Amino acid sequence: MSQTDGSQEMLFRSMQCFSDDGKLDVAELENILEIATRDGEVTEDEKRVLKNIFYNLTSADLNPALWKRVEELIVELQLDDAS
């Protein structure tokens, strides 16, 4: 893991988001994504964190706006190819 890798910070932030109201919204996802992209690169560890976040979303979380953004990120960051 590089010094600029934000995976641990992303994980901590996602736990805060879910503990707040039990759900994740688009603004919270964008905040987590901002951590991953602030150094101009999304590492494999950061991709794993995003995939874990997506994996833990429930149907109650996935309103149309969030679902659309998740789908965009899966394609954009090639998360279906990430380990």
C-alpha atoms as a PDB file:
ATOM      1  CA  MET A   1       0.000   0.000   0.000  1.00  0.00           C
ATOM      2  CA  SER A   2       1.419   3.367  -0.974  1.00  0.00           C
ATOM      3  CA  GLN A   3       1.547   6.425   1.246  1.00  0.00           C
ATOM      4  CA  THR A   4      -1.191   8.055  -0.825  1.00  0.00           C
ATOM      5  CA  ASP A   5      -3.519   5.051  -0.693  1.00  0.00           C
ATOM      6  CA  GLY A   6      -6.740   6.105   1.001  1.00  0.00           C
ATOM      7  CA  SER A   7      -8.291   2.664   1.431  1.00  0.00           C
ATOM      8  CA  GLN A   8      -8.264   2.734   5.237  1.00  0.00           C
ATOM      9  CA  GLU A   9      -9.703   6.241   5.299  1.00  0.00           C
ATOM     10  CA  MET A  10     -12.364   5.157   2.788  1.00  0.00           C
ATOM     11  CA  LEU A  11     -13.268   2.187   4.960  1.00  0.00           C
ATOM     12  CA  PHE A  12     -13.521   4.375   8.060  1.00  0.00           C
ATOM     13  CA  ARG A  13     -15.654   6.930   6.202  1.00  0.00           C
ATOM     14  CA  SER A  14     -17.992   4.234   4.869  1.00  0.00           C
ATOM     15  CA  MET A  15     -18.491   2.897   8.400  1.00  0.00           C
ATOM     16  CA  GLN A  16     -19.399   6.421   9.519  1.00  0.00           C
ATOM     17  CA  CYS A  17     -21.909   6.740   6.673  1.00  0.00           C
ATOM     18  CA  PHE A  18     -23.616   3.445   7.443  1.00  0.00           C
ATOM     19  CA  SER A  19     -23.627   4.048  11.192  1.00  0.00           C
ATOM     20  CA  ASP A  20     -25.199   7.485  10.699  1.00  0.00           C
ATOM     21  CA  ASP A  21     -28.548   6.277   9.349  1.00  0.00           C
ATOM     22  CA  GLY A  22     -27.865   2.719   8.224  1.00  0.00           C
ATOM     23  CA  LYS A  23     -27.781   3.700   4.567  1.00  0.00           C
ATOM     24  CA  LEU A  24     -25.441   5.139   1.976  1.00  0.00           C
ATOM     25  CA  ASP A  25     -26.528   7.935  -0.307  1.00  0.00           C
ATOM     26  CA  VAL A  26     -24.959   9.388  -3.453  1.00  0.00           C
ATOM     27  CA  ALA A  27     -23.343  12.325  -1.623  1.00  0.00           C
ATOM     28  CA  GLU A  28     -21.715   9.965   0.877  1.00  0.00           C
ATOM     29  CA  LEU A  29     -20.504   7.715  -1.938  1.00  0.00           C
ATOM     30  CA  GLU A  30     -19.026  10.732  -3.716  1.00  0.00           C
ATOM     31  CA  ASN A  31     -17.233  11.696  -0.503  1.00  0.00           C
ATOM     32  CA  ILE A  32     -15.720   8.209  -0.268  1.00  0.00           C
ATOM     33  CA  LEU A  33     -14.790   8.325  -3.954  1.00  0.00           C
ATOM     34  CA  GLU A  34     -13.110  11.697  -3.434  1.00  0.00           C
ATOM     35  CA  ILE A  35     -10.763  10.048  -0.939  1.00  0.00           C
ATOM     36  CA  ALA A  36      -9.834   7.432  -3.548  1.00  0.00           C
ATOM     37  CA  THR A  37      -9.263   9.916  -6.352  1.00  0.00           C
ATOM     38  CA  ARG A  38      -7.541  12.789  -4.581  1.00  0.00           C
ATOM     39  CA  ASP A  39      -4.093  11.556  -5.626  1.00  0.00           C
ATOM     40  CA  GLY A  40      -5.188  11.067  -9.244  1.00  0.00           C
ATOM     41  CA  GLU A  41      -5.146   7.272  -9.074  1.00  0.00           C
ATOM     42  CA  VAL A  42      -7.456   4.625  -7.654  1.00  0.00           C
ATOM     43  CA  THR A  43      -5.351   1.801  -6.238  1.00  0.00           C
ATOM     44  CA  GLU A  44      -6.337  -1.853  -6.153  1.00  0.00           C
ATOM     45  CA  ASP A  45      -6.890  -1.577  -2.383  1.00  0.00           C
ATOM     46  CA  GLU A  46      -9.199   1.403  -2.901  1.00  0.00           C
ATOM     47  CA  LYS A  47     -11.078  -0.577  -5.569  1.00  0.00           C
ATOM     48  CA  ARG A  48     -11.486  -3.457  -3.115  1.00  0.00           C
ATOM     49  CA  VAL A  49     -12.977  -1.085  -0.544  1.00  0.00           C
ATOM     50  CA  LEU A  50     -15.439   0.254  -3.117  1.00  0.00           C
ATOM     51  CA  LYS A  51     -16.387  -3.263  -4.169  1.00  0.00           C
ATOM     52  CA  ASN A  52     -16.977  -4.220  -0.523  1.00  0.00           C
ATOM     53  CA  ILE A  53     -19.146  -1.143  -0.027  1.00  0.00           C
ATOM     54  CA  PHE A  54     -21.175  -2.027  -3.111  1.00  0.00           C
ATOM     55  CA  TYR A  55     -21.460  -5.649  -2.002  1.00  0.00           C
ATOM     56  CA  ASN A  56     -22.949  -4.555   1.320  1.00  0.00           C
ATOM     57  CA  LEU A  57     -25.611  -2.287  -0.156  1.00  0.00           C
ATOM     58  CA  THR A  58     -29.152  -3.527   0.286  1.00  0.00           C
ATOM     59  CA  SER A  59     -32.204  -2.941  -1.850  1.00  0.00           C
ATOM     60  CA  ALA A  60     -33.240  -0.292   0.692  1.00  0.00           C
ATOM     61  CA  ASP A  61     -30.007   1.606  -0.070  1.00  0.00           C
ATOM     62  CA  LEU A  62     -30.240   1.351  -3.830  1.00  0.00           C
ATOM     63  CA  ASN A  63     -32.509   4.162  -4.865  1.00  0.00           C
ATOM     64  CA  PRO A  64     -32.333   4.943  -8.602  1.00  0.00           C
ATOM     65  CA  ALA A  65     -29.700   7.688  -8.228  1.00  0.00           C
ATOM     66  CA  LEU A  66     -27.382   5.552  -6.113  1.00  0.00           C
ATOM     67  CA  TRP A  67     -27.854   2.509  -8.350  1.00  0.00           C
ATOM     68  CA  LYS A  68     -26.975   4.608 -11.420  1.00  0.00           C
ATOM     69  CA  ARG A  69     -23.816   5.967  -9.767  1.00  0.00           C
ATOM     70  CA  VAL A  70     -22.721   2.511  -8.601  1.00  0.00           C
ATOM     71  CA  GLU A  71     -23.146   1.161 -12.133  1.00  0.00           C
ATOM     72  CA  GLU A  72     -21.138   4.095 -13.545  1.00  0.00           C
ATOM     73  CA  LEU A  73     -18.298   3.489 -11.094  1.00  0.00           C
ATOM     74  CA  ILE A  74     -18.199  -0.242 -11.784  1.00  0.00           C
ATOM     75  CA  VAL A  75     -17.616   0.509 -15.458  1.00  0.00           C
ATOM     76  CA  GLU A  76     -15.418   3.599 -15.003  1.00  0.00           C
ATOM     77  CA  LEU A  77     -13.080   1.985 -12.481  1.00  0.00           C
ATOM     78  CA  GLN A  78     -13.346  -1.497 -13.981  1.00  0.00           C
ATOM     79  CA  LEU A  79     -14.430  -2.872 -10.625  1.00  0.00           C
ATOM     80  CA  ASP A  80     -15.707  -6.057 -12.199  1.00  0.00           C
ATOM     81  CA  ASP A  81     -12.046  -6.747 -13.119  1.00  0.00           C
ATOM     82  CA  ALA A  82     -10.493  -5.700  -9.777  1.00  0.00           C
ATOM     83  CA  SER A  83      -9.292  -8.397  -7.405  1.00  0.00           C
END
